[in-house]
Amino acid sequence: MDAEQRTIMHLDLDAFFCSVEVLNNQELRGKPLVIGGSADRGVVAAASYEARKYGVRAAMPMRLARQLCPEAQVLSGDMEKYTYYSDLVTEIIAERAPLYEKASIDEFYLDLTGMDKYIGNLKWSSELKTRIVQETGLSLNYALSVIKLVSMMASNEVKPRAWGCAPSGCCGRFR
């Protein structure tokens, strides 16, 4: 099969650890949130978009994150809870996608090659997004392209809370 005929979807759950925490505690909504080790020697595992506005990023020392955003709520995280939500999303994808790869706890690649003749890849992707959002409450973004790398780059271009198409492929950002 020619590479130009392929359709690869990259699906990424937005600020996943933080989003799960907000789902379970609505008082955290809209506030800077940092997940990671709470000691000064700890490391940031995830930061909400509200915390990212202050320069907080994953893998930075917690001491620096607290300096950049002293009002951030710091949580140690709950891998059991994150795994539960990741498994919910995986089940939804597995029920519908002809072929998928779980790249990480919050990131997936789906091979939609050939589906255009049945429903349309963009329509199918939009319907999958809607189902995930409705059944889990999690927001996500996705992009379609002919290869994984371009799909991943395009889905990153539409973060956070933006709509549109990146030059490298059709994409959408949904909540």
N, C-alpha and C. Protein backbone atom coordinates (compact mmCIF):
# COMPACT_ATOMS: atom_id res chain seq x y z
N MET A 1 0.84 -1.17 0.00
CA MET A 1 0.00 0.00 0.00
C MET A 1 0.89 1.24 0.00
N ASP A 2 0.53 2.18 -0.79
CA ASP A 2 1.25 3.43 -0.91
C ASP A 2 1.06 4.28 0.34
N ALA A 3 2.14 4.92 0.84
CA ALA A 3 2.07 5.72 2.07
C ALA A 3 1.06 6.86 1.95
N GLU A 4 0.86 7.41 0.75
CA GLU A 4 -0.08 8.51 0.56
C GLU A 4 -1.52 8.07 0.80
N GLN A 5 -1.81 6.78 0.74
CA GLN A 5 -3.17 6.30 0.92
C GLN A 5 -3.52 6.06 2.39
N ARG A 6 -2.55 6.07 3.25
CA ARG A 6 -2.78 5.80 4.67
C ARG A 6 -3.44 6.99 5.37
N THR A 7 -4.19 6.69 6.41
CA THR A 7 -4.73 7.72 7.29
C THR A 7 -4.46 7.30 8.72
N ILE A 8 -3.64 8.07 9.40
CA ILE A 8 -3.27 7.80 10.78
C ILE A 8 -3.83 8.92 11.66
N MET A 9 -4.54 8.53 12.68
CA MET A 9 -5.08 9.47 13.65
C MET A 9 -4.22 9.45 14.90
N HIS A 10 -3.84 10.63 15.36
CA HIS A 10 -3.19 10.76 16.67
C HIS A 10 -4.22 11.35 17.61
N LEU A 11 -4.47 10.70 18.73
CA LEU A 11 -5.43 11.15 19.71
C LEU A 11 -4.69 11.37 21.02
N ASP A 12 -4.85 12.54 21.60
CA ASP A 12 -4.14 12.91 22.83
C ASP A 12 -5.12 13.51 23.82
N LEU A 13 -5.16 12.94 25.02
CA LEU A 13 -6.01 13.47 26.09
C LEU A 13 -5.32 14.69 26.69
N ASP A 14 -6.05 15.79 26.80
CA ASP A 14 -5.48 17.06 27.25
C ASP A 14 -5.14 17.06 28.73
N ALA A 15 -3.89 17.46 29.05
CA ALA A 15 -3.45 17.61 30.44
C ALA A 15 -4.06 16.49 31.29
N PHE A 16 -3.83 15.27 30.88
CA PHE A 16 -4.58 14.11 31.35
C PHE A 16 -4.63 13.97 32.87
N PHE A 17 -3.51 13.93 33.55
CA PHE A 17 -3.53 13.74 35.00
C PHE A 17 -4.33 14.85 35.67
N CYS A 18 -4.11 16.08 35.23
CA CYS A 18 -4.83 17.23 35.80
C CYS A 18 -6.32 17.14 35.48
N SER A 19 -6.66 16.76 34.27
CA SER A 19 -8.07 16.63 33.87
C SER A 19 -8.79 15.60 34.72
N VAL A 20 -8.13 14.49 35.00
CA VAL A 20 -8.73 13.46 35.85
C VAL A 20 -8.96 13.99 37.26
N GLU A 21 -8.00 14.73 37.78
CA GLU A 21 -8.15 15.30 39.12
C GLU A 21 -9.32 16.28 39.16
N VAL A 22 -9.48 17.09 38.12
CA VAL A 22 -10.59 18.05 38.07
C VAL A 22 -11.92 17.31 37.97
N LEU A 23 -11.98 16.23 37.21
CA LEU A 23 -13.21 15.44 37.11
C LEU A 23 -13.65 14.95 38.49
N ASN A 24 -12.68 14.63 39.32
CA ASN A 24 -12.97 14.07 40.64
C ASN A 24 -13.06 15.12 41.73
N ASN A 25 -12.71 16.37 41.42
CA ASN A 25 -12.81 17.47 42.39
C ASN A 25 -13.04 18.76 41.61
N GLN A 26 -14.29 19.13 41.42
CA GLN A 26 -14.65 20.29 40.62
C GLN A 26 -14.12 21.61 41.19
N GLU A 27 -13.75 21.64 42.45
CA GLU A 27 -13.18 22.85 43.04
C GLU A 27 -11.83 23.20 42.42
N LEU A 28 -11.19 22.25 41.75
CA LEU A 28 -9.90 22.48 41.10
C LEU A 28 -10.05 23.12 39.72
N ARG A 29 -11.25 23.11 39.16
CA ARG A 29 -11.48 23.63 37.81
C ARG A 29 -11.06 25.10 37.71
N GLY A 30 -10.27 25.38 36.68
CA GLY A 30 -9.84 26.75 36.41
C GLY A 30 -8.68 27.24 37.26
N LYS A 31 -8.19 26.41 38.14
CA LYS A 31 -7.09 26.80 39.02
C LYS A 31 -5.79 26.15 38.57
N PRO A 32 -4.65 26.78 38.84
CA PRO A 32 -3.36 26.16 38.51
C PRO A 32 -3.19 24.88 39.32
N LEU A 33 -2.87 23.81 38.63
CA LEU A 33 -2.75 22.50 39.26
C LEU A 33 -1.46 21.84 38.78
N VAL A 34 -0.71 21.29 39.73
CA VAL A 34 0.54 20.61 39.41
C VAL A 34 0.49 19.24 40.06
N ILE A 35 0.83 18.21 39.28
CA ILE A 35 0.87 16.84 39.77
C ILE A 35 2.34 16.44 39.84
N GLY A 36 2.75 15.86 40.97
CA GLY A 36 4.13 15.39 41.09
C GLY A 36 4.57 15.31 42.53
N GLY A 37 5.85 15.10 42.70
CA GLY A 37 6.41 15.01 44.04
C GLY A 37 6.32 16.33 44.75
N SER A 38 5.78 16.34 45.97
CA SER A 38 5.53 17.59 46.67
C SER A 38 6.77 18.12 47.40
N ALA A 39 7.75 17.29 47.63
CA ALA A 39 8.98 17.76 48.29
C ALA A 39 9.78 18.63 47.32
N ASP A 40 10.66 19.46 47.88
CA ASP A 40 11.48 20.33 47.03
C ASP A 40 12.27 19.56 46.00
N ARG A 41 12.63 18.32 46.31
CA ARG A 41 13.39 17.50 45.36
C ARG A 41 12.49 16.77 44.38
N GLY A 42 11.18 16.97 44.49
CA GLY A 42 10.23 16.32 43.60
C GLY A 42 10.27 16.91 42.20
N VAL A 43 9.59 16.23 41.30
CA VAL A 43 9.54 16.62 39.89
C VAL A 43 8.09 16.73 39.45
N VAL A 44 7.80 17.68 38.58
CA VAL A 44 6.46 17.86 38.04
C VAL A 44 6.18 16.74 37.03
N ALA A 45 5.10 16.01 37.26
CA ALA A 45 4.66 14.98 36.32
C ALA A 45 3.70 15.56 35.29
N ALA A 46 2.88 16.54 35.72
CA ALA A 46 1.91 17.17 34.83
C ALA A 46 1.53 18.53 35.39
N ALA A 47 1.15 19.42 34.48
CA ALA A 47 0.70 20.76 34.87
C ALA A 47 -0.55 21.11 34.07
N SER A 48 -1.51 21.71 34.73
CA SER A 48 -2.71 22.16 34.04
C SER A 48 -2.35 23.33 33.14
N TYR A 49 -3.24 23.65 32.19
CA TYR A 49 -2.98 24.78 31.31
C TYR A 49 -2.89 26.08 32.12
N GLU A 50 -3.64 26.15 33.22
CA GLU A 50 -3.58 27.34 34.06
C GLU A 50 -2.19 27.50 34.69
N ALA A 51 -1.55 26.40 35.07
CA ALA A 51 -0.20 26.45 35.63
C ALA A 51 0.84 26.67 34.52
N ARG A 52 0.57 26.16 33.33
CA ARG A 52 1.51 26.33 32.21
C ARG A 52 1.65 27.79 31.81
N LYS A 53 0.62 28.59 32.06
CA LYS A 53 0.69 30.03 31.76
C LYS A 53 1.81 30.70 32.54
N TYR A 54 2.18 30.13 33.66
CA TYR A 54 3.26 30.67 34.50
C TYR A 54 4.62 30.05 34.17
N GLY A 55 4.65 29.17 33.19
CA GLY A 55 5.91 28.54 32.79
C GLY A 55 6.15 27.17 33.40
N VAL A 56 5.19 26.64 34.15
CA VAL A 56 5.34 25.33 34.76
C VAL A 56 5.19 24.26 33.68
N ARG A 57 6.12 23.32 33.66
CA ARG A 57 6.13 22.25 32.66
C ARG A 57 6.44 20.91 33.31
N ALA A 58 6.04 19.85 32.68
CA ALA A 58 6.39 18.51 33.15
C ALA A 58 7.91 18.35 33.14
N ALA A 59 8.40 17.59 34.07
CA ALA A 59 9.81 17.24 34.23
C ALA A 59 10.65 18.34 34.87
N MET A 60 10.05 19.47 35.23
CA MET A 60 10.83 20.52 35.90
C MET A 60 10.84 20.22 37.40
N PRO A 61 11.84 20.70 38.10
CA PRO A 61 11.87 20.51 39.56
C PRO A 61 10.67 21.20 40.22
N MET A 62 10.10 20.54 41.21
CA MET A 62 8.94 21.07 41.91
C MET A 62 9.27 22.40 42.58
N ARG A 63 10.47 22.55 43.07
CA ARG A 63 10.87 23.80 43.70
C ARG A 63 10.71 24.97 42.72
N LEU A 64 11.15 24.78 41.48
CA LEU A 64 11.03 25.82 40.47
C LEU A 64 9.56 26.06 40.12
N ALA A 65 8.77 25.00 40.00
CA ALA A 65 7.34 25.13 39.70
C ALA A 65 6.64 25.97 40.77
N ARG A 66 6.99 25.74 42.02
CA ARG A 66 6.38 26.51 43.12
C ARG A 66 6.82 27.97 43.09
N GLN A 67 8.03 28.21 42.64
CA GLN A 67 8.50 29.60 42.51
C GLN A 67 7.75 30.31 41.39
N LEU A 68 7.57 29.61 40.27
CA LEU A 68 6.89 30.19 39.12
C LEU A 68 5.41 30.42 39.37
N CYS A 69 4.80 29.52 40.13
CA CYS A 69 3.35 29.57 40.35
C CYS A 69 3.04 29.18 41.80
N PRO A 70 3.31 30.11 42.73
CA PRO A 70 3.13 29.77 44.15
C PRO A 70 1.69 29.45 44.54
N GLU A 71 0.71 29.92 43.76
CA GLU A 71 -0.69 29.63 44.09
C GLU A 71 -1.18 28.29 43.55
N ALA A 72 -0.33 27.55 42.87
CA ALA A 72 -0.73 26.26 42.31
C ALA A 72 -1.04 25.25 43.41
N GLN A 73 -2.08 24.49 43.17
CA GLN A 73 -2.42 23.34 44.03
C GLN A 73 -1.51 22.20 43.60
N VAL A 74 -0.77 21.62 44.52
CA VAL A 74 0.15 20.52 44.20
C VAL A 74 -0.44 19.23 44.76
N LEU A 75 -0.61 18.26 43.87
CA LEU A 75 -1.12 16.94 44.25
C LEU A 75 -0.09 15.88 43.90
N SER A 76 -0.02 14.84 44.72
CA SER A 76 0.95 13.78 44.44
C SER A 76 0.51 12.86 43.31
N GLY A 77 -0.76 12.83 43.01
CA GLY A 77 -1.26 12.01 41.91
C GLY A 77 -1.74 10.66 42.37
N ASP A 78 -2.47 10.01 41.49
CA ASP A 78 -3.10 8.73 41.81
C ASP A 78 -3.09 7.86 40.55
N MET A 79 -2.04 7.05 40.39
CA MET A 79 -1.91 6.25 39.17
C MET A 79 -3.05 5.26 38.99
N GLU A 80 -3.62 4.78 40.07
CA GLU A 80 -4.75 3.87 39.94
C GLU A 80 -5.93 4.57 39.26
N LYS A 81 -6.18 5.81 39.67
CA LYS A 81 -7.27 6.60 39.08
C LYS A 81 -6.96 6.92 37.61
N TYR A 82 -5.72 7.30 37.31
CA TYR A 82 -5.34 7.63 35.94
C TYR A 82 -5.43 6.40 35.04
N THR A 83 -5.02 5.27 35.56
CA THR A 83 -5.11 4.02 34.79
C THR A 83 -6.56 3.67 34.51
N TYR A 84 -7.43 3.88 35.47
CA TYR A 84 -8.86 3.61 35.29
C TYR A 84 -9.42 4.42 34.12
N TYR A 85 -9.14 5.73 34.10
CA TYR A 85 -9.65 6.58 33.02
C TYR A 85 -9.00 6.24 31.68
N SER A 86 -7.72 5.94 31.70
CA SER A 86 -7.04 5.55 30.47
C SER A 86 -7.66 4.26 29.91
N ASP A 87 -7.97 3.33 30.79
CA ASP A 87 -8.60 2.08 30.35
C ASP A 87 -10.00 2.33 29.78
N LEU A 88 -10.74 3.29 30.35
CA LEU A 88 -12.06 3.63 29.80
C LEU A 88 -11.92 4.11 28.35
N VAL A 89 -10.97 5.01 28.13
CA VAL A 89 -10.74 5.53 26.77
C VAL A 89 -10.29 4.41 25.85
N THR A 90 -9.39 3.56 26.33
CA THR A 90 -8.90 2.45 25.51
C THR A 90 -10.04 1.53 25.10
N GLU A 91 -10.95 1.25 26.02
CA GLU A 91 -12.10 0.39 25.70
C GLU A 91 -12.97 1.00 24.61
N ILE A 92 -13.22 2.29 24.69
CA ILE A 92 -14.03 2.98 23.68
C ILE A 92 -13.35 2.88 22.32
N ILE A 93 -12.05 3.12 22.29
CA ILE A 93 -11.29 3.03 21.04
C ILE A 93 -11.31 1.60 20.51
N ALA A 94 -11.07 0.64 21.38
CA ALA A 94 -10.99 -0.77 20.96
C ALA A 94 -12.30 -1.27 20.37
N GLU A 95 -13.42 -0.75 20.87
CA GLU A 95 -14.74 -1.13 20.35
C GLU A 95 -14.96 -0.64 18.93
N ARG A 96 -14.32 0.46 18.55
CA ARG A 96 -14.63 1.12 17.28
C ARG A 96 -13.52 1.09 16.25
N ALA A 97 -12.28 1.15 16.69
CA ALA A 97 -11.17 1.31 15.75
C ALA A 97 -10.74 -0.02 15.15
N PRO A 98 -10.48 -0.02 13.85
CA PRO A 98 -10.02 -1.25 13.23
C PRO A 98 -8.61 -1.65 13.70
N LEU A 99 -7.76 -0.66 13.95
CA LEU A 99 -6.39 -0.93 14.37
C LEU A 99 -5.90 0.27 15.17
N TYR A 100 -5.41 0.02 16.39
CA TYR A 100 -4.92 1.13 17.20
C TYR A 100 -3.68 0.71 17.98
N GLU A 101 -2.95 1.70 18.42
CA GLU A 101 -1.77 1.50 19.26
C GLU A 101 -1.86 2.48 20.42
N LYS A 102 -1.72 1.96 21.62
CA LYS A 102 -1.69 2.82 22.81
C LYS A 102 -0.23 3.20 23.04
N ALA A 103 0.10 4.46 22.74
CA ALA A 103 1.48 4.91 22.82
C ALA A 103 1.88 5.26 24.25
N SER A 104 0.92 5.69 25.06
CA SER A 104 1.16 6.00 26.46
C SER A 104 -0.18 6.00 27.18
N ILE A 105 -0.18 6.37 28.43
CA ILE A 105 -1.42 6.36 29.22
C ILE A 105 -2.47 7.30 28.65
N ASP A 106 -2.04 8.33 27.89
CA ASP A 106 -2.99 9.34 27.39
C ASP A 106 -2.85 9.64 25.91
N GLU A 107 -2.24 8.74 25.17
CA GLU A 107 -1.94 9.01 23.76
C GLU A 107 -2.12 7.74 22.93
N PHE A 108 -2.78 7.91 21.78
CA PHE A 108 -3.10 6.76 20.93
C PHE A 108 -2.85 7.10 19.46
N TYR A 109 -2.53 6.06 18.69
CA TYR A 109 -2.48 6.15 17.23
C TYR A 109 -3.49 5.16 16.69
N LEU A 110 -4.30 5.61 15.72
CA LEU A 110 -5.30 4.75 15.11
C LEU A 110 -5.06 4.73 13.60
N ASP A 111 -5.04 3.56 13.02
CA ASP A 111 -4.91 3.44 11.57
C ASP A 111 -6.31 3.36 10.97
N LEU A 112 -6.70 4.42 10.29
CA LEU A 112 -8.04 4.51 9.71
C LEU A 112 -8.03 4.24 8.21
N THR A 113 -6.92 3.75 7.72
CA THR A 113 -6.76 3.51 6.28
C THR A 113 -7.93 2.68 5.75
N GLY A 114 -8.52 3.16 4.68
CA GLY A 114 -9.60 2.47 4.02
C GLY A 114 -10.99 2.81 4.53
N MET A 115 -11.08 3.47 5.68
CA MET A 115 -12.39 3.78 6.24
C MET A 115 -13.09 4.92 5.50
N ASP A 116 -12.33 5.71 4.77
CA ASP A 116 -12.93 6.85 4.05
C ASP A 116 -14.06 6.40 3.13
N LYS A 117 -13.94 5.23 2.53
CA LYS A 117 -14.97 4.79 1.59
C LYS A 117 -16.26 4.36 2.29
N TYR A 118 -16.22 4.18 3.62
CA TYR A 118 -17.41 3.75 4.35
C TYR A 118 -18.13 4.90 5.07
N ILE A 119 -17.38 5.72 5.77
CA ILE A 119 -18.01 6.77 6.58
C ILE A 119 -17.30 8.10 6.43
N GLY A 120 -16.05 8.10 6.14
CA GLY A 120 -15.25 9.32 6.09
C GLY A 120 -14.42 9.42 7.36
N ASN A 121 -13.13 9.56 7.19
CA ASN A 121 -12.23 9.56 8.35
C ASN A 121 -12.49 10.72 9.30
N LEU A 122 -12.75 11.89 8.77
CA LEU A 122 -12.99 13.04 9.64
C LEU A 122 -14.29 12.87 10.43
N LYS A 123 -15.33 12.40 9.76
CA LYS A 123 -16.60 12.17 10.44
C LYS A 123 -16.45 11.09 11.51
N TRP A 124 -15.77 10.00 11.17
CA TRP A 124 -15.57 8.91 12.12
C TRP A 124 -14.78 9.41 13.33
N SER A 125 -13.73 10.19 13.09
CA SER A 125 -12.90 10.72 14.16
C SER A 125 -13.70 11.64 15.08
N SER A 126 -14.52 12.47 14.49
CA SER A 126 -15.37 13.38 15.26
C SER A 126 -16.36 12.60 16.13
N GLU A 127 -16.94 11.55 15.58
CA GLU A 127 -17.88 10.73 16.34
C GLU A 127 -17.17 10.01 17.48
N LEU A 128 -15.95 9.54 17.25
CA LEU A 128 -15.18 8.89 18.30
C LEU A 128 -14.88 9.89 19.42
N LYS A 129 -14.47 11.09 19.04
CA LYS A 129 -14.19 12.15 20.01
C LYS A 129 -15.42 12.42 20.87
N THR A 130 -16.56 12.57 20.23
CA THR A 130 -17.80 12.85 20.94
C THR A 130 -18.11 11.75 21.95
N ARG A 131 -17.94 10.53 21.54
CA ARG A 131 -18.22 9.40 22.44
C ARG A 131 -17.27 9.40 23.63
N ILE A 132 -16.00 9.64 23.40
CA ILE A 132 -15.02 9.67 24.50
C ILE A 132 -15.36 10.78 25.48
N VAL A 133 -15.64 11.96 24.97
CA VAL A 133 -15.96 13.11 25.84
C VAL A 133 -17.24 12.82 26.64
N GLN A 134 -18.26 12.30 25.98
CA GLN A 134 -19.53 12.04 26.67
C GLN A 134 -19.40 10.96 27.73
N GLU A 135 -18.63 9.91 27.45
CA GLU A 135 -18.56 8.78 28.37
C GLU A 135 -17.52 8.95 29.47
N THR A 136 -16.53 9.81 29.27
CA THR A 136 -15.48 9.96 30.27
C THR A 136 -15.41 11.34 30.90
N GLY A 137 -15.88 12.36 30.19
CA GLY A 137 -15.76 13.73 30.67
C GLY A 137 -14.40 14.35 30.39
N LEU A 138 -13.52 13.63 29.72
CA LEU A 138 -12.18 14.12 29.42
C LEU A 138 -12.16 14.85 28.09
N SER A 139 -11.34 15.89 28.00
CA SER A 139 -11.18 16.60 26.73
C SER A 139 -9.99 16.00 25.99
N LEU A 140 -9.99 16.20 24.67
CA LEU A 140 -8.94 15.62 23.85
C LEU A 140 -8.76 16.43 22.59
N ASN A 141 -7.67 16.16 21.92
CA ASN A 141 -7.46 16.71 20.58
C ASN A 141 -6.99 15.57 19.70
N TYR A 142 -7.15 15.75 18.41
CA TYR A 142 -6.70 14.72 17.47
C TYR A 142 -6.29 15.37 16.16
N ALA A 143 -5.59 14.59 15.37
CA ALA A 143 -5.22 15.03 14.03
C ALA A 143 -5.13 13.81 13.14
N LEU A 144 -5.36 14.04 11.86
CA LEU A 144 -5.24 12.99 10.85
C LEU A 144 -4.15 13.37 9.87
N SER A 145 -3.37 12.39 9.49
CA SER A 145 -2.33 12.59 8.49
C SER A 145 -1.96 11.24 7.90
N VAL A 146 -0.92 11.22 7.08
CA VAL A 146 -0.51 9.97 6.43
C VAL A 146 0.53 9.21 7.24
N ILE A 147 1.15 9.85 8.23
CA ILE A 147 2.13 9.17 9.09
C ILE A 147 1.95 9.60 10.54
N LYS A 148 2.43 8.77 11.45
CA LYS A 148 2.30 9.04 12.88
C LYS A 148 2.90 10.37 13.29
N LEU A 149 4.12 10.63 12.87
CA LEU A 149 4.83 11.83 13.30
C LEU A 149 4.06 13.10 12.94
N VAL A 150 3.59 13.17 11.72
CA VAL A 150 2.86 14.37 11.29
C VAL A 150 1.53 14.48 12.04
N SER A 151 0.86 13.36 12.26
CA SER A 151 -0.39 13.39 13.03
C SER A 151 -0.15 13.91 14.44
N MET A 152 0.92 13.43 15.07
CA MET A 152 1.24 13.87 16.43
C MET A 152 1.60 15.35 16.45
N MET A 153 2.39 15.79 15.50
CA MET A 153 2.76 17.20 15.45
C MET A 153 1.52 18.08 15.22
N ALA A 154 0.62 17.64 14.36
CA ALA A 154 -0.59 18.42 14.07
C ALA A 154 -1.51 18.48 15.28
N SER A 155 -1.65 17.37 16.00
CA SER A 155 -2.53 17.40 17.18
C SER A 155 -1.93 18.29 18.27
N ASN A 156 -0.62 18.38 18.34
CA ASN A 156 0.02 19.29 19.30
C ASN A 156 -0.19 20.75 18.92
N GLU A 157 -0.34 21.03 17.63
CA GLU A 157 -0.55 22.40 17.16
C GLU A 157 -1.89 22.98 17.60
N VAL A 158 -2.87 22.14 17.86
CA VAL A 158 -4.19 22.64 18.20
C VAL A 158 -4.43 22.72 19.71
N LYS A 159 -3.40 22.53 20.50
CA LYS A 159 -3.52 22.67 21.95
C LYS A 159 -3.27 24.10 22.33
N PRO A 160 -3.76 24.59 23.41
CA PRO A 160 -4.98 24.17 24.09
C PRO A 160 -6.18 24.96 23.58
N ARG A 161 -7.31 24.35 23.66
CA ARG A 161 -8.60 24.99 23.38
C ARG A 161 -8.64 25.81 22.09
N ALA A 162 -8.18 25.23 21.03
CA ALA A 162 -8.22 25.92 19.74
C ALA A 162 -8.91 25.02 18.73
N TRP A 163 -9.45 25.59 17.72
CA TRP A 163 -10.06 24.84 16.63
C TRP A 163 -9.24 25.10 15.37
N GLY A 164 -9.34 24.20 14.43
CA GLY A 164 -8.74 24.51 13.15
C GLY A 164 -8.02 23.34 12.54
N CYS A 165 -7.31 23.65 11.48
CA CYS A 165 -6.51 22.65 10.78
C CYS A 165 -5.07 23.11 10.74
N ALA A 166 -4.20 22.23 11.14
CA ALA A 166 -2.77 22.50 11.01
C ALA A 166 -2.40 22.24 9.56
N PRO A 167 -1.34 22.86 9.05
CA PRO A 167 -0.98 22.69 7.65
C PRO A 167 -0.69 21.24 7.28
N SER A 168 -0.30 20.43 8.25
CA SER A 168 0.12 19.06 7.95
C SER A 168 -1.01 18.04 7.95
N GLY A 169 -2.20 18.41 8.33
CA GLY A 169 -3.27 17.42 8.32
C GLY A 169 -4.52 17.97 8.97
N CYS A 170 -5.64 17.33 8.71
CA CYS A 170 -6.89 17.77 9.33
C CYS A 170 -6.85 17.46 10.81
N CYS A 171 -7.37 18.36 11.58
CA CYS A 171 -7.34 18.14 13.02
C CYS A 171 -8.49 18.88 13.66
N GLY A 172 -8.73 18.57 14.90
CA GLY A 172 -9.76 19.26 15.64
C GLY A 172 -9.43 19.27 17.11
N ARG A 173 -9.86 20.28 17.80
CA ARG A 173 -9.68 20.37 19.24
C ARG A 173 -11.05 20.48 19.83
N PHE A 174 -11.37 19.61 20.73
CA PHE A 174 -12.72 19.55 21.24
C PHE A 174 -12.73 19.51 22.75
N ARG A 175 -13.82 19.94 23.30
CA ARG A 175 -14.02 19.85 24.74
C ARG A 175 -15.42 19.32 24.97
